[in-house]
Amino acid sequence: MARPKVALPAPEAIRALVDGEGRLAVKVTPGARSEGLEIVEGRLLVKVRAKPEDGKATEAVIELVAQALGMGSSRVTLLRGATSREKLLSIAA
C-alpha cells in the first residue's frame, strides 16, 4: 500500500516564520504515525516517522523542511537542538 502524500503548508507561510538572520525554530514529534508540517500559533510543528536515534529524526526533519520550501536539503542546516525536540534550523537564502 502506498504512503499518503505528506501535508505541507505553502512555502510562503513557512518563509514567514524565518527570522531576519535566516533561522527557523521548529518543534519535532519523532516516531509519528504520519509525516507532515503544521503551523500552529506561529510555530512550525514537524512530525516525522524516524525514531530519535543516531540523528535519524533530525535528518528527516531537515529533508521534510527542505522539501516544503522547494530547495535541496543541503541548504537547511541544524544550528541547535541535535538531541532536543526543540530545534533551530538555518535556512539558506
C-alpha atoms as a PDB file:
ATOM      1  CA  MET A   1       0.000   0.000   0.000  1.00  0.00           C
ATOM      2  CA  ALA A   2       1.384   3.389  -0.976  1.00  0.00           C
ATOM      3  CA  ARG A   3       2.062   6.002   1.663  1.00  0.00           C
ATOM      4  CA  PRO A   4      -0.231   9.017   1.558  1.00  0.00           C
ATOM      5  CA  LYS A   5       1.185  12.336   0.377  1.00  0.00           C
ATOM      6  CA  VAL A   6       2.704  14.476   3.098  1.00  0.00           C
ATOM      7  CA  ALA A   7       0.617  17.503   4.056  1.00  0.00           C
ATOM      8  CA  LEU A   8       2.810  20.576   3.605  1.00  0.00           C
ATOM      9  CA  PRO A   9       1.907  24.229   4.165  1.00  0.00           C
ATOM     10  CA  ALA A  10       2.688  26.758   1.442  1.00  0.00           C
ATOM     11  CA  PRO A  11       6.396  27.673   1.175  1.00  0.00           C
ATOM     12  CA  GLU A  12       5.492  31.344   1.692  1.00  0.00           C
ATOM     13  CA  ALA A  13       3.817  30.526   5.021  1.00  0.00           C
ATOM     14  CA  ILE A  14       6.951  28.725   6.222  1.00  0.00           C
ATOM     15  CA  ARG A  15       9.248  31.512   4.999  1.00  0.00           C
ATOM     16  CA  ALA A  16       7.154  33.990   7.011  1.00  0.00           C
ATOM     17  CA  LEU A  17       8.320  32.152  10.169  1.00  0.00           C
ATOM     18  CA  VAL A  18      12.019  32.567   9.294  1.00  0.00           C
ATOM     19  CA  ASP A  19      13.652  35.434  11.201  1.00  0.00           C
ATOM     20  CA  GLY A  20      15.889  38.135   9.704  1.00  0.00           C
ATOM     21  CA  GLU A  21      19.013  36.014  10.200  1.00  0.00           C
ATOM     22  CA  GLY A  22      17.602  33.008   8.315  1.00  0.00           C
ATOM     23  CA  ARG A  23      16.723  30.953  11.409  1.00  0.00           C
ATOM     24  CA  LEU A  24      13.624  28.805  11.778  1.00  0.00           C
ATOM     25  CA  ALA A  25      12.524  27.349  15.119  1.00  0.00           C
ATOM     26  CA  VAL A  26      10.677  24.024  14.923  1.00  0.00           C
ATOM     27  CA  LYS A  27       9.140  21.590  17.381  1.00  0.00           C
ATOM     28  CA  VAL A  28       9.587  17.950  16.396  1.00  0.00           C
ATOM     29  CA  THR A  29       7.492  14.868  17.051  1.00  0.00           C
ATOM     30  CA  PRO A  30       9.696  11.863  16.206  1.00  0.00           C
ATOM     31  CA  GLY A  31       8.241   8.400  15.685  1.00  0.00           C
ATOM     32  CA  ALA A  32       4.892   9.773  14.467  1.00  0.00           C
ATOM     33  CA  ARG A  33       2.445   7.640  12.511  1.00  0.00           C
ATOM     34  CA  SER A  34       2.478  10.066   9.605  1.00  0.00           C
ATOM     35  CA  GLU A  35       4.833  12.783   8.421  1.00  0.00           C
ATOM     36  CA  GLY A  36       3.795  16.376   7.991  1.00  0.00           C
ATOM     37  CA  LEU A  37       4.314  20.038   8.751  1.00  0.00           C
ATOM     38  CA  GLU A  38       1.801  22.231  10.524  1.00  0.00           C
ATOM     39  CA  ILE A  39       1.851  25.867  11.572  1.00  0.00           C
ATOM     40  CA  VAL A  40       0.277  26.351  14.995  1.00  0.00           C
ATOM     41  CA  GLU A  41       0.341  29.636  16.897  1.00  0.00           C
ATOM     42  CA  GLY A  42       3.209  30.990  14.813  1.00  0.00           C
ATOM     43  CA  ARG A  43       5.378  27.867  15.210  1.00  0.00           C
ATOM     44  CA  LEU A  44       6.264  25.129  12.785  1.00  0.00           C
ATOM     45  CA  LEU A  45       5.430  21.666  14.114  1.00  0.00           C
ATOM     46  CA  VAL A  46       7.183  18.818  12.312  1.00  0.00           C
ATOM     47  CA  LYS A  47       6.091  15.176  12.535  1.00  0.00           C
ATOM     48  CA  VAL A  48       8.463  12.516  11.223  1.00  0.00           C
ATOM     49  CA  ARG A  49       8.315   8.718  11.223  1.00  0.00           C
ATOM     50  CA  ALA A  50      12.014   8.340  12.027  1.00  0.00           C
ATOM     51  CA  LYS A  51      12.952   7.352  15.563  1.00  0.00           C
ATOM     52  CA  PRO A  52      15.140   9.725  17.598  1.00  0.00           C
ATOM     53  CA  GLU A  53      18.282   7.620  17.402  1.00  0.00           C
ATOM     54  CA  ASP A  54      21.622   8.371  15.749  1.00  0.00           C
ATOM     55  CA  GLY A  55      20.298  11.643  14.306  1.00  0.00           C
ATOM     56  CA  LYS A  56      17.783   9.908  12.023  1.00  0.00           C
ATOM     57  CA  ALA A  57      14.871  12.087  13.161  1.00  0.00           C
ATOM     58  CA  THR A  58      16.917  15.272  12.695  1.00  0.00           C
ATOM     59  CA  GLU A  59      17.860  14.217   9.159  1.00  0.00           C
ATOM     60  CA  ALA A  60      14.202  13.513   8.387  1.00  0.00           C
ATOM     61  CA  VAL A  61      13.213  16.952   9.737  1.00  0.00           C
ATOM     62  CA  ILE A  62      15.797  18.684   7.551  1.00  0.00           C
ATOM     63  CA  GLU A  63      14.672  16.770   4.449  1.00  0.00           C
ATOM     64  CA  LEU A  64      10.988  17.483   5.098  1.00  0.00           C
ATOM     65  CA  VAL A  65      11.503  21.209   5.712  1.00  0.00           C
ATOM     66  CA  ALA A  66      13.695  21.481   2.600  1.00  0.00           C
ATOM     67  CA  GLN A  67      11.059  19.670   0.532  1.00  0.00           C
ATOM     68  CA  ALA A  68       8.355  22.031   1.807  1.00  0.00           C
ATOM     69  CA  LEU A  69      10.474  25.052   0.888  1.00  0.00           C
ATOM     70  CA  GLY A  70      11.294  23.635  -2.548  1.00  0.00           C
ATOM     71  CA  MET A  71      15.062  23.538  -2.010  1.00  0.00           C
ATOM     72  CA  GLY A  72      17.782  20.974  -1.540  1.00  0.00           C
ATOM     73  CA  SER A  73      18.373  19.571   1.931  1.00  0.00           C
ATOM     74  CA  SER A  74      21.959  20.889   1.848  1.00  0.00           C
ATOM     75  CA  ARG A  75      20.526  24.426   2.152  1.00  0.00           C
ATOM     76  CA  VAL A  76      18.899  23.609   5.519  1.00  0.00           C
ATOM     77  CA  THR A  77      21.278  23.036   8.438  1.00  0.00           C
ATOM     78  CA  LEU A  78      20.854  22.366  12.133  1.00  0.00           C
ATOM     79  CA  LEU A  79      22.096  25.168  14.379  1.00  0.00           C
ATOM     80  CA  ARG A  80      20.884  23.908  17.751  1.00  0.00           C
ATOM     81  CA  GLY A  81      18.895  21.041  19.263  1.00  0.00           C
ATOM     82  CA  ALA A  82      20.502  17.846  17.966  1.00  0.00           C
ATOM     83  CA  THR A  83      19.070  15.839  20.890  1.00  0.00           C
ATOM     84  CA  SER A  84      16.045  18.013  21.638  1.00  0.00           C
ATOM     85  CA  ARG A  85      12.527  18.241  20.261  1.00  0.00           C
ATOM     86  CA  GLU A  86      13.057  21.998  20.003  1.00  0.00           C
ATOM     87  CA  LYS A  87      15.388  22.633  17.061  1.00  0.00           C
ATOM     88  CA  LEU A  88      16.771  25.742  15.410  1.00  0.00           C
ATOM     89  CA  LEU A  89      17.449  25.442  11.691  1.00  0.00           C
ATOM     90  CA  SER A  90      19.347  27.748   9.357  1.00  0.00           C
ATOM     91  CA  ILE A  91      17.644  28.323   6.002  1.00  0.00           C
ATOM     92  CA  ALA A  92      19.980  29.457   3.193  1.00  0.00           C
ATOM     93  CA  ALA A  93      18.656  32.328   1.096  1.00  0.00           C
END
